[in-house]
Amino acid sequence: MNKITLKAQLFSKRLRQVVFREARETRVAAEILIKLINFHLRIEKKKPTEKQLAFLRAHSIDLMKIIPMIIMFPTPIPYIEIALIFRAMGFDFLLPKKEDLEIPEKSD
């Protein structure tokens, strides 16, 4: 097998793992955020656990990365160019974080 093909396959496999991990972490963080909002609005009686709040704090950087993408999505400017501009300013949108976050258990 060609060396370049092997590298491309490994990159593709790793990218898939990272995308699924980030999607799972973002979904859990959004659920905790909704639970926190509902608690403060007195819709829900149980406050998120300390472990859930710690997870939300750790994942909040990733949530803040999503907001500009959502805002700029309808614009005709390609995402890669926007990401490279932000990367040059010190905000890294292209590289995932190195470690997995420990997903807290649901307290429901």
PDB file of N, CA and C in Angstrom:
ATOM      1  N   MET A   1       0.846  -1.185   0.000  1.00  0.00           N
ATOM      2  CA  MET A   1       0.000   0.000   0.000  1.00  0.00           C
ATOM      3  C   MET A   1       0.889   1.245   0.000  1.00  0.00           C
ATOM      4  N   ASN A   2       0.469   2.210  -0.731  1.00  0.00           N
ATOM      5  CA  ASN A   2       1.208   3.446  -0.861  1.00  0.00           C
ATOM      6  C   ASN A   2       1.273   4.164   0.493  1.00  0.00           C
ATOM      7  N   LYS A   3       2.423   4.774   0.791  1.00  0.00           N
ATOM      8  CA  LYS A   3       2.627   5.468   2.061  1.00  0.00           C
ATOM      9  C   LYS A   3       1.644   6.625   2.234  1.00  0.00           C
ATOM     10  N   ILE A   4       1.379   7.347   1.167  1.00  0.00           N
ATOM     11  CA  ILE A   4       0.452   8.480   1.226  1.00  0.00           C
ATOM     12  C   ILE A   4      -0.969   7.987   1.476  1.00  0.00           C
ATOM     13  N   THR A   5      -1.349   6.888   0.834  1.00  0.00           N
ATOM     14  CA  THR A   5      -2.676   6.318   1.036  1.00  0.00           C
ATOM     15  C   THR A   5      -2.850   5.861   2.482  1.00  0.00           C
ATOM     16  N   LEU A   6      -1.824   5.255   3.046  1.00  0.00           N
ATOM     17  CA  LEU A   6      -1.872   4.805   4.432  1.00  0.00           C
ATOM     18  C   LEU A   6      -2.026   5.981   5.384  1.00  0.00           C
ATOM     19  N   LYS A   7      -1.261   7.049   5.144  1.00  0.00           N
ATOM     20  CA  LYS A   7      -1.374   8.248   5.974  1.00  0.00           C
ATOM     21  C   LYS A   7      -2.767   8.862   5.859  1.00  0.00           C
ATOM     22  N   ALA A   8      -3.323   8.890   4.659  1.00  0.00           N
ATOM     23  CA  ALA A   8      -4.661   9.440   4.453  1.00  0.00           C
ATOM     24  C   ALA A   8      -5.709   8.606   5.199  1.00  0.00           C
ATOM     25  N   GLN A   9      -5.556   7.290   5.171  1.00  0.00           N
ATOM     26  CA  GLN A   9      -6.497   6.423   5.879  1.00  0.00           C
ATOM     27  C   GLN A   9      -6.403   6.630   7.392  1.00  0.00           C
ATOM     28  N   LEU A  10      -5.188   6.737   7.908  1.00  0.00           N
ATOM     29  CA  LEU A  10      -5.006   6.973   9.338  1.00  0.00           C
ATOM     30  C   LEU A  10      -5.577   8.323   9.746  1.00  0.00           C
ATOM     31  N   PHE A  11      -5.340   9.346   8.922  1.00  0.00           N
ATOM     32  CA  PHE A  11      -5.883  10.668   9.199  1.00  0.00           C
ATOM     33  C   PHE A  11      -7.411  10.630   9.195  1.00  0.00           C
ATOM     34  N   SER A  12      -7.984   9.957   8.218  1.00  0.00           N
ATOM     35  CA  SER A  12      -9.434   9.848   8.110  1.00  0.00           C
ATOM     36  C   SER A  12     -10.027   9.138   9.331  1.00  0.00           C
ATOM     37  N   LYS A  13      -9.383   8.066   9.759  1.00  0.00           N
ATOM     38  CA  LYS A  13      -9.856   7.320  10.933  1.00  0.00           C
ATOM     39  C   LYS A  13      -9.792   8.191  12.186  1.00  0.00           C
ATOM     40  N   ARG A  14      -8.682   8.885  12.383  1.00  0.00           N
ATOM     41  CA  ARG A  14      -8.516   9.756  13.559  1.00  0.00           C
ATOM     42  C   ARG A  14      -9.508  10.916  13.521  1.00  0.00           C
ATOM     43  N   LEU A  15      -9.709  11.497  12.346  1.00  0.00           N
ATOM     44  CA  LEU A  15     -10.656  12.591  12.208  1.00  0.00           C
ATOM     45  C   LEU A  15     -12.066  12.135  12.574  1.00  0.00           C
ATOM     46  N   ARG A  16     -12.438  10.965  12.133  1.00  0.00           N
ATOM     47  CA  ARG A  16     -13.764  10.416  12.455  1.00  0.00           C
ATOM     48  C   ARG A  16     -13.921  10.233  13.963  1.00  0.00           C
ATOM     49  N   GLN A  17     -12.889   9.702  14.622  1.00  0.00           N
ATOM     50  CA  GLN A  17     -12.932   9.519  16.070  1.00  0.00           C
ATOM     51  C   GLN A  17     -13.084  10.850  16.795  1.00  0.00           C
ATOM     52  N   VAL A  18     -12.322  11.837  16.363  1.00  0.00           N
ATOM     53  CA  VAL A  18     -12.366  13.156  17.002  1.00  0.00           C
ATOM     54  C   VAL A  18     -13.732  13.808  16.795  1.00  0.00           C
ATOM     55  N   VAL A  19     -14.276  13.718  15.590  1.00  0.00           N
ATOM     56  CA  VAL A  19     -15.580  14.326  15.301  1.00  0.00           C
ATOM     57  C   VAL A  19     -16.666  13.695  16.163  1.00  0.00           C
ATOM     58  N   PHE A  20     -16.668  12.357  16.267  1.00  0.00           N
ATOM     59  CA  PHE A  20     -17.676  11.694  17.092  1.00  0.00           C
ATOM     60  C   PHE A  20     -17.503  12.033  18.571  1.00  0.00           C
ATOM     61  N   ARG A  21     -16.256  12.098  19.049  1.00  0.00           N
ATOM     62  CA  ARG A  21     -16.017  12.454  20.451  1.00  0.00           C
ATOM     63  C   ARG A  21     -16.495  13.875  20.744  1.00  0.00           C
ATOM     64  N   GLU A  22     -16.126  14.808  19.875  1.00  0.00           N
ATOM     65  CA  GLU A  22     -16.531  16.198  20.073  1.00  0.00           C
ATOM     66  C   GLU A  22     -18.044  16.359  19.994  1.00  0.00           C
ATOM     67  N   ALA A  23     -18.674  15.640  19.081  1.00  0.00           N
ATOM     68  CA  ALA A  23     -20.135  15.716  18.968  1.00  0.00           C
ATOM     69  C   ALA A  23     -20.803  15.199  20.240  1.00  0.00           C
ATOM     70  N   ARG A  24     -20.290  14.090  20.779  1.00  0.00           N
ATOM     71  CA  ARG A  24     -20.854  13.529  22.004  1.00  0.00           C
ATOM     72  C   ARG A  24     -20.656  14.490  23.176  1.00  0.00           C
ATOM     73  N   GLU A  25     -19.454  15.062  23.303  1.00  0.00           N
ATOM     74  CA  GLU A  25     -19.177  16.002  24.389  1.00  0.00           C
ATOM     75  C   GLU A  25     -20.036  17.262  24.264  1.00  0.00           C
ATOM     76  N   THR A  26     -20.219  17.751  23.043  1.00  0.00           N
ATOM     77  CA  THR A  26     -21.037  18.947  22.835  1.00  0.00           C
ATOM     78  C   THR A  26     -22.493  18.675  23.174  1.00  0.00           C
ATOM     79  N   ARG A  27     -22.995  17.506  22.807  1.00  0.00           N
ATOM     80  CA  ARG A  27     -24.379  17.161  23.134  1.00  0.00           C
ATOM     81  C   ARG A  27     -24.577  17.111  24.649  1.00  0.00           C
ATOM     82  N   VAL A  28     -23.652  16.470  25.351  1.00  0.00           N
ATOM     83  CA  VAL A  28     -23.749  16.374  26.810  1.00  0.00           C
ATOM     84  C   VAL A  28     -23.655  17.768  27.441  1.00  0.00           C
ATOM     85  N   ALA A  29     -22.729  18.592  26.962  1.00  0.00           N
ATOM     86  CA  ALA A  29     -22.581  19.948  27.497  1.00  0.00           C
ATOM     87  C   ALA A  29     -23.842  20.771  27.258  1.00  0.00           C
ATOM     88  N   ALA A  30     -24.458  20.615  26.098  1.00  0.00           N
ATOM     89  CA  ALA A  30     -25.702  21.341  25.814  1.00  0.00           C
ATOM     90  C   ALA A  30     -26.827  20.876  26.745  1.00  0.00           C
ATOM     91  N   GLU A  31     -26.893  19.577  27.015  1.00  0.00           N
ATOM     92  CA  GLU A  31     -27.906  19.060  27.941  1.00  0.00           C
ATOM     93  C   GLU A  31     -27.710  19.633  29.346  1.00  0.00           C
ATOM     94  N   ILE A  32     -26.454  19.707  29.791  1.00  0.00           N
ATOM     95  CA  ILE A  32     -26.166  20.273  31.114  1.00  0.00           C
ATOM     96  C   ILE A  32     -26.514  21.757  31.143  1.00  0.00           C
ATOM     97  N   LEU A  33     -26.188  22.479  30.074  1.00  0.00           N
ATOM     98  CA  LEU A  33     -26.504  23.907  29.994  1.00  0.00           C
ATOM     99  C   LEU A  33     -28.009  24.131  30.034  1.00  0.00           C
ATOM    100  N   ILE A  34     -28.764  23.328  29.317  1.00  0.00           N
ATOM    101  CA  ILE A  34     -30.228  23.439  29.339  1.00  0.00           C
ATOM    102  C   ILE A  34     -30.762  23.142  30.740  1.00  0.00           C
ATOM    103  N   LYS A  35     -30.185  22.129  31.383  1.00  0.00           N
ATOM    104  CA  LYS A  35     -30.605  21.785  32.737  1.00  0.00           C
ATOM    105  C   LYS A  35     -30.316  22.946  33.695  1.00  0.00           C
ATOM    106  N   LEU A  36     -29.160  23.590  33.538  1.00  0.00           N
ATOM    107  CA  LEU A  36     -28.795  24.726  34.383  1.00  0.00           C
ATOM    108  C   LEU A  36     -29.737  25.903  34.159  1.00  0.00           C
ATOM    109  N   ILE A  37     -30.040  26.190  32.908  1.00  0.00           N
ATOM    110  CA  ILE A  37     -30.978  27.282  32.594  1.00  0.00           C
ATOM    111  C   ILE A  37     -32.351  26.983  33.173  1.00  0.00           C
ATOM    112  N   ASN A  38     -32.819  25.743  32.995  1.00  0.00           N
ATOM    113  CA  ASN A  38     -34.123  25.363  33.539  1.00  0.00           C
ATOM    114  C   ASN A  38     -34.146  25.446  35.062  1.00  0.00           C
ATOM    115  N   PHE A  39     -33.024  25.144  35.707  1.00  0.00           N
ATOM    116  CA  PHE A  39     -32.947  25.256  37.162  1.00  0.00           C
ATOM    117  C   PHE A  39     -33.072  26.720  37.576  1.00  0.00           C
ATOM    118  N   HIS A  40     -32.378  27.609  36.880  1.00  0.00           N
ATOM    119  CA  HIS A  40     -32.437  29.031  37.231  1.00  0.00           C
ATOM    120  C   HIS A  40     -33.788  29.662  36.898  1.00  0.00           C
ATOM    121  N   LEU A  41     -34.479  29.112  35.923  1.00  0.00           N
ATOM    122  CA  LEU A  41     -35.826  29.592  35.592  1.00  0.00           C
ATOM    123  C   LEU A  41     -36.893  28.908  36.441  1.00  0.00           C
ATOM    124  N   ARG A  42     -36.443  28.033  37.319  1.00  0.00           N
ATOM    125  CA  ARG A  42     -37.314  27.270  38.226  1.00  0.00           C
ATOM    126  C   ARG A  42     -38.265  26.334  37.497  1.00  0.00           C
ATOM    127  N   ILE A  43     -37.846  25.872  36.334  1.00  0.00           N
ATOM    128  CA  ILE A  43     -38.607  24.868  35.600  1.00  0.00           C
ATOM    129  C   ILE A  43     -38.223  23.487  36.124  1.00  0.00           C
ATOM    130  N   GLU A  44     -36.949  23.353  36.479  1.00  0.00           N
ATOM    131  CA  GLU A  44     -36.442  22.093  37.003  1.00  0.00           C
ATOM    132  C   GLU A  44     -35.989  22.319  38.443  1.00  0.00           C
ATOM    133  N   LYS A  45     -36.236  21.336  39.297  1.00  0.00           N
ATOM    134  CA  LYS A  45     -35.924  21.495  40.716  1.00  0.00           C
ATOM    135  C   LYS A  45     -34.501  21.072  41.073  1.00  0.00           C
ATOM    136  N   LYS A  46     -33.916  20.181  40.274  1.00  0.00           N
ATOM    137  CA  LYS A  46     -32.581  19.678  40.589  1.00  0.00           C
ATOM    138  C   LYS A  46     -31.505  20.455  39.838  1.00  0.00           C
ATOM    139  N   LYS A  47     -30.534  20.943  40.602  1.00  0.00           N
ATOM    140  CA  LYS A  47     -29.399  21.644  40.024  1.00  0.00           C
ATOM    141  C   LYS A  47     -28.411  20.614  39.466  1.00  0.00           C
ATOM    142  N   PRO A  48     -27.701  20.941  38.375  1.00  0.00           N
ATOM    143  CA  PRO A  48     -26.673  20.026  37.877  1.00  0.00           C
ATOM    144  C   PRO A  48     -25.621  19.762  38.965  1.00  0.00           C
ATOM    145  N   THR A  49     -25.067  18.561  38.969  1.00  0.00           N
ATOM    146  CA  THR A  49     -24.059  18.195  39.964  1.00  0.00           C
ATOM    147  C   THR A  49     -22.768  18.974  39.728  1.00  0.00           C
ATOM    148  N   GLU A  50     -21.902  18.967  40.734  1.00  0.00           N
ATOM    149  CA  GLU A  50     -20.612  19.642  40.594  1.00  0.00           C
ATOM    150  C   GLU A  50     -19.785  19.026  39.463  1.00  0.00           C
ATOM    151  N   LYS A  51     -19.877  17.723  39.315  1.00  0.00           N
ATOM    152  CA  LYS A  51     -19.149  17.041  38.243  1.00  0.00           C
ATOM    153  C   LYS A  51     -19.665  17.497  36.869  1.00  0.00           C
ATOM    154  N   GLN A  52     -20.992  17.657  36.742  1.00  0.00           N
ATOM    155  CA  GLN A  52     -21.571  18.137  35.490  1.00  0.00           C
ATOM    156  C   GLN A  52     -21.149  19.579  35.218  1.00  0.00           C
ATOM    157  N   LEU A  53     -21.144  20.418  36.257  1.00  0.00           N
ATOM    158  CA  LEU A  53     -20.728  21.815  36.078  1.00  0.00           C
ATOM    159  C   LEU A  53     -19.248  21.909  35.707  1.00  0.00           C
ATOM    160  N   ALA A  54     -18.424  21.046  36.298  1.00  0.00           N
ATOM    161  CA  ALA A  54     -17.000  21.032  35.942  1.00  0.00           C
ATOM    162  C   ALA A  54     -16.822  20.623  34.482  1.00  0.00           C
ATOM    163  N   PHE A  55     -17.600  19.638  34.032  1.00  0.00           N
ATOM    164  CA  PHE A  55     -17.544  19.219  32.629  1.00  0.00           C
ATOM    165  C   PHE A  55     -17.958  20.378  31.716  1.00  0.00           C
ATOM    166  N   LEU A  56     -19.024  21.084  32.095  1.00  0.00           N
ATOM    167  CA  LEU A  56     -19.506  22.208  31.286  1.00  0.00           C
ATOM    168  C   LEU A  56     -18.441  23.301  31.198  1.00  0.00           C
ATOM    169  N   ARG A  57     -17.774  23.590  32.307  1.00  0.00           N
ATOM    170  CA  ARG A  57     -16.700  24.590  32.285  1.00  0.00           C
ATOM    171  C   ARG A  57     -15.562  24.153  31.356  1.00  0.00           C
ATOM    172  N   ALA A  58     -15.197  22.887  31.432  1.00  0.00           N
ATOM    173  CA  ALA A  58     -14.097  22.382  30.598  1.00  0.00           C
ATOM    174  C   ALA A  58     -14.458  22.391  29.117  1.00  0.00           C
ATOM    175  N   HIS A  59     -15.721  22.170  28.821  1.00  0.00           N
ATOM    176  CA  HIS A  59     -16.149  22.089  27.424  1.00  0.00           C
ATOM    177  C   HIS A  59     -16.638  23.436  26.880  1.00  0.00           C
ATOM    178  N   SER A  60     -16.721  24.442  27.730  1.00  0.00           N
ATOM    179  CA  SER A  60     -17.267  25.736  27.293  1.00  0.00           C
ATOM    180  C   SER A  60     -16.441  26.381  26.191  1.00  0.00           C
ATOM    181  N   ILE A  61     -15.155  26.119  26.155  1.00  0.00           N
ATOM    182  CA  ILE A  61     -14.309  26.679  25.086  1.00  0.00           C
ATOM    183  C   ILE A  61     -14.777  26.155  23.731  1.00  0.00           C
ATOM    184  N   ASP A  62     -15.075  24.856  23.668  1.00  0.00           N
ATOM    185  CA  ASP A  62     -15.563  24.286  22.414  1.00  0.00           C
ATOM    186  C   ASP A  62     -16.918  24.864  22.033  1.00  0.00           C
ATOM    187  N   LEU A  63     -17.769  25.101  23.033  1.00  0.00           N
ATOM    188  CA  LEU A  63     -19.069  25.711  22.740  1.00  0.00           C
ATOM    189  C   LEU A  63     -18.890  27.129  22.198  1.00  0.00           C
ATOM    190  N   MET A  64     -17.918  27.863  22.736  1.00  0.00           N
ATOM    191  CA  MET A  64     -17.673  29.226  22.257  1.00  0.00           C
ATOM    192  C   MET A  64     -17.110  29.216  20.829  1.00  0.00           C
ATOM    193  N   LYS A  65     -16.437  28.126  20.437  1.00  0.00           N
ATOM    194  CA  LYS A  65     -15.939  28.017  19.065  1.00  0.00           C
ATOM    195  C   LYS A  65     -17.084  27.818  18.080  1.00  0.00           C
ATOM    196  N   ILE A  66     -18.165  27.207  18.533  1.00  0.00           N
ATOM    197  CA  ILE A  66     -19.285  26.909  17.642  1.00  0.00           C
ATOM    198  C   ILE A  66     -20.087  28.161  17.297  1.00  0.00           C
ATOM    199  N   ILE A  67     -20.210  29.081  18.243  1.00  0.00           N
ATOM    200  CA  ILE A  67     -21.051  30.267  18.048  1.00  0.00           C
ATOM    201  C   ILE A  67     -20.649  31.081  16.811  1.00  0.00           C
ATOM    202  N   PRO A  68     -19.362  31.421  16.617  1.00  0.00           N
ATOM    203  CA  PRO A  68     -19.019  32.167  15.389  1.00  0.00           C
ATOM    204  C   PRO A  68     -19.331  31.389  14.112  1.00  0.00           C
ATOM    205  N   MET A  69     -19.173  30.065  14.162  1.00  0.00           N
ATOM    206  CA  MET A  69     -19.476  29.268  12.971  1.00  0.00           C
ATOM    207  C   MET A  69     -20.964  29.329  12.651  1.00  0.00           C
ATOM    208  N   ILE A  70     -21.804  29.290  13.683  1.00  0.00           N
ATOM    209  CA  ILE A  70     -23.249  29.365  13.473  1.00  0.00           C
ATOM    210  C   ILE A  70     -23.629  30.735  12.929  1.00  0.00           C
ATOM    211  N   ILE A  71     -23.032  31.773  13.472  1.00  0.00           N
ATOM    212  CA  ILE A  71     -23.338  33.137  13.036  1.00  0.00           C
ATOM    213  C   ILE A  71     -22.900  33.356  11.588  1.00  0.00           C
ATOM    214  N   MET A  72     -21.726  32.839  11.217  1.00  0.00           N
ATOM    215  CA  MET A  72     -21.184  33.087   9.886  1.00  0.00           C
ATOM    216  C   MET A  72     -21.596  32.044   8.853  1.00  0.00           C
ATOM    217  N   PHE A  73     -22.340  31.032   9.240  1.00  0.00           N
ATOM    218  CA  PHE A  73     -22.699  29.948   8.321  1.00  0.00           C
ATOM    219  C   PHE A  73     -23.364  30.431   7.039  1.00  0.00           C
ATOM    220  N   PRO A  74     -24.327  31.365   7.092  1.00  0.00           N
ATOM    221  CA  PRO A  74     -24.987  31.767   5.838  1.00  0.00           C
ATOM    222  C   PRO A  74     -24.124  32.632   4.919  1.00  0.00           C
ATOM    223  N   THR A  75     -22.994  33.111   5.400  1.00  0.00           N
ATOM    224  CA  THR A  75     -22.160  33.970   4.559  1.00  0.00           C
ATOM    225  C   THR A  75     -21.461  33.143   3.481  1.00  0.00           C
ATOM    226  N   PRO A  76     -21.163  33.758   2.348  1.00  0.00           N
ATOM    227  CA  PRO A  76     -20.520  33.021   1.257  1.00  0.00           C
ATOM    228  C   PRO A  76     -19.028  32.768   1.467  1.00  0.00           C
ATOM    229  N   ILE A  77     -18.440  33.302   2.553  1.00  0.00           N
ATOM    230  CA  ILE A  77     -17.013  33.119   2.809  1.00  0.00           C
ATOM    231  C   ILE A  77     -16.782  31.677   3.272  1.00  0.00           C
ATOM    232  N   PRO A  78     -15.866  30.969   2.662  1.00  0.00           N
ATOM    233  CA  PRO A  78     -15.606  29.582   3.077  1.00  0.00           C
ATOM    234  C   PRO A  78     -15.121  29.502   4.524  1.00  0.00           C
ATOM    235  N   TYR A  79     -15.554  28.472   5.223  1.00  0.00           N
ATOM    236  CA  TYR A  79     -15.199  28.278   6.631  1.00  0.00           C
ATOM    237  C   TYR A  79     -13.694  28.182   6.834  1.00  0.00           C
ATOM    238  N   ILE A  80     -12.996  27.509   5.928  1.00  0.00           N
ATOM    239  CA  ILE A  80     -11.553  27.316   6.094  1.00  0.00           C
ATOM    240  C   ILE A  80     -10.832  28.662   6.143  1.00  0.00           C
ATOM    241  N   GLU A  81     -11.213  29.589   5.281  1.00  0.00           N
ATOM    242  CA  GLU A  81     -10.575  30.906   5.283  1.00  0.00           C
ATOM    243  C   GLU A  81     -10.832  31.636   6.591  1.00  0.00           C
ATOM    244  N   ILE A  82     -12.063  31.550   7.080  1.00  0.00           N
ATOM    245  CA  ILE A  82     -12.401  32.184   8.359  1.00  0.00           C
ATOM    246  C   ILE A  82     -11.591  31.543   9.481  1.00  0.00           C
ATOM    247  N   ALA A  83     -11.524  30.211   9.476  1.00  0.00           N
ATOM    248  CA  ALA A  83     -10.776  29.503  10.512  1.00  0.00           C
ATOM    249  C   ALA A  83      -9.296  29.880  10.479  1.00  0.00           C
ATOM    250  N   LEU A  84      -8.730  30.026   9.288  1.00  0.00           N
ATOM    251  CA  LEU A  84      -7.320  30.406   9.180  1.00  0.00           C
ATOM    252  C   LEU A  84      -7.086  31.828   9.683  1.00  0.00           C
ATOM    253  N   ILE A  85      -8.028  32.714   9.432  1.00  0.00           N
ATOM    254  CA  ILE A  85      -7.909  34.089   9.943  1.00  0.00           C
ATOM    255  C   ILE A  85      -7.931  34.079  11.465  1.00  0.00           C
ATOM    256  N   PHE A  86      -8.902  33.352  12.053  1.00  0.00           N
ATOM    257  CA  PHE A  86      -8.981  33.261  13.504  1.00  0.00           C
ATOM    258  C   PHE A  86      -7.742  32.574  14.082  1.00  0.00           C
ATOM    259  N   ARG A  87      -7.223  31.570  13.375  1.00  0.00           N
ATOM    260  CA  ARG A  87      -6.031  30.863  13.845  1.00  0.00           C
ATOM    261  C   ARG A  87      -4.837  31.814  13.886  1.00  0.00           C
ATOM    262  N   ALA A  88      -4.738  32.692  12.889  1.00  0.00           N
ATOM    263  CA  ALA A  88      -3.651  33.667  12.865  1.00  0.00           C
ATOM    264  C   ALA A  88      -3.762  34.649  14.029  1.00  0.00           C
ATOM    265  N   MET A  89      -4.996  34.875  14.505  1.00  0.00           N
ATOM    266  CA  MET A  89      -5.220  35.766  15.646  1.00  0.00           C
ATOM    267  C   MET A  89      -5.075  35.033  16.981  1.00  0.00           C
ATOM    268  N   GLY A  90      -4.792  33.731  16.942  1.00  0.00           N
ATOM    269  CA  GLY A  90      -4.583  32.993  18.179  1.00  0.00           C
ATOM    270  C   GLY A  90      -5.726  32.085  18.586  1.00  0.00           C
ATOM    271  N   PHE A  91      -6.803  32.065  17.823  1.00  0.00           N
ATOM    272  CA  PHE A  91      -7.932  31.176  18.111  1.00  0.00           C
ATOM    273  C   PHE A  91      -7.830  29.982  17.178  1.00  0.00           C
ATOM    274  N   ASP A  92      -7.656  28.792  17.741  1.00  0.00           N
ATOM    275  CA  ASP A  92      -7.443  27.615  16.917  1.00  0.00           C
ATOM    276  C   ASP A  92      -8.744  26.838  16.738  1.00  0.00           C
ATOM    277  N   PHE A  93      -9.350  26.965  15.572  1.00  0.00           N
ATOM    278  CA  PHE A  93     -10.601  26.284  15.268  1.00  0.00           C
ATOM    279  C   PHE A  93     -10.380  24.948  14.574  1.00  0.00           C
ATOM    280  N   LEU A  94      -9.174  24.714  14.095  1.00  0.00           N
ATOM    281  CA  LEU A  94      -8.959  23.533  13.276  1.00  0.00           C
ATOM    282  C   LEU A  94      -8.483  22.322  14.056  1.00  0.00           C
ATOM    283  N   LEU A  95      -7.744  22.530  15.116  1.00  0.00           N
ATOM    284  CA  LEU A  95      -7.183  21.409  15.836  1.00  0.00           C
ATOM    285  C   LEU A  95      -8.047  21.049  17.038  1.00  0.00           C
ATOM    286  N   PRO A  96      -8.359  19.774  17.201  1.00  0.00           N
ATOM    287  CA  PRO A  96      -9.128  19.358  18.380  1.00  0.00           C
ATOM    288  C   PRO A  96      -8.239  19.378  19.609  1.00  0.00           C
ATOM    289  N   LYS A  97      -8.865  19.373  20.762  1.00  0.00           N
ATOM    290  CA  LYS A  97      -8.061  19.296  21.973  1.00  0.00           C
ATOM    291  C   LYS A  97      -7.444  17.912  22.085  1.00  0.00           C
ATOM    292  N   LYS A  98      -6.376  17.808  22.813  1.00  0.00           N
ATOM    293  CA  LYS A  98      -5.594  16.571  22.860  1.00  0.00           C
ATOM    294  C   LYS A  98      -6.258  15.488  23.706  1.00  0.00           C
ATOM    295  N   GLU A  99      -6.985  15.872  24.759  1.00  0.00           N
ATOM    296  CA  GLU A  99      -7.500  14.876  25.683  1.00  0.00           C
ATOM    297  C   GLU A  99      -9.014  14.754  25.598  1.00  0.00           C
ATOM    298  N   ASP A 100      -9.495  13.597  25.971  1.00  0.00           N
ATOM    299  CA  ASP A 100     -10.931  13.384  26.081  1.00  0.00           C
ATOM    300  C   ASP A 100     -11.391  13.940  27.421  1.00  0.00           C
ATOM    301  N   LEU A 101     -12.568  14.509  27.446  1.00  0.00           N
ATOM    302  CA  LEU A 101     -13.147  14.938  28.720  1.00  0.00           C
ATOM    303  C   LEU A 101     -13.951  13.782  29.291  1.00  0.00           C
ATOM    304  N   GLU A 102     -13.939  13.658  30.601  1.00  0.00           N
ATOM    305  CA  GLU A 102     -14.718  12.612  31.240  1.00  0.00           C
ATOM    306  C   GLU A 102     -16.165  13.072  31.283  1.00  0.00           C
ATOM    307  N   ILE A 103     -17.043  12.334  30.621  1.00  0.00           N
ATOM    308  CA  ILE A 103     -18.455  12.708  30.551  1.00  0.00           C
ATOM    309  C   ILE A 103     -19.132  12.304  31.846  1.00  0.00           C
ATOM    310  N   PRO A 104     -19.765  13.274  32.534  1.00  0.00           N
ATOM    311  CA  PRO A 104     -20.406  12.959  33.812  1.00  0.00           C
ATOM    312  C   PRO A 104     -21.695  12.139  33.612  1.00  0.00           C
ATOM    313  N   GLU A 105     -22.066  11.427  34.656  1.00  0.00           N
ATOM    314  CA  GLU A 105     -23.301  10.660  34.612  1.00  0.00           C
ATOM    315  C   GLU A 105     -24.483  11.594  34.788  1.00  0.00           C
ATOM    316  N   LYS A 106     -25.626  11.194  34.230  1.00  0.00           N
ATOM    317  CA  LYS A 106     -26.832  11.999  34.391  1.00  0.00           C
ATOM    318  C   LYS A 106     -27.354  11.832  35.800  1.00  0.00           C
ATOM    319  N   SER A 107     -27.868  12.909  36.372  1.00  0.00           N
ATOM    320  CA  SER A 107     -28.363  12.847  37.748  1.00  0.00           C
ATOM    321  C   SER A 107     -29.875  12.656  37.810  1.00  0.00           C
ATOM    322  N   ASP A 108     -30.494  12.446  36.660  1.00  0.00           N
ATOM    323  CA  ASP A 108     -31.967  12.319  36.624  1.00  0.00           C
ATOM    324  C   ASP A 108     -32.416  11.034  37.257  1.00  0.00           C
TER     325      ASP A 108
END
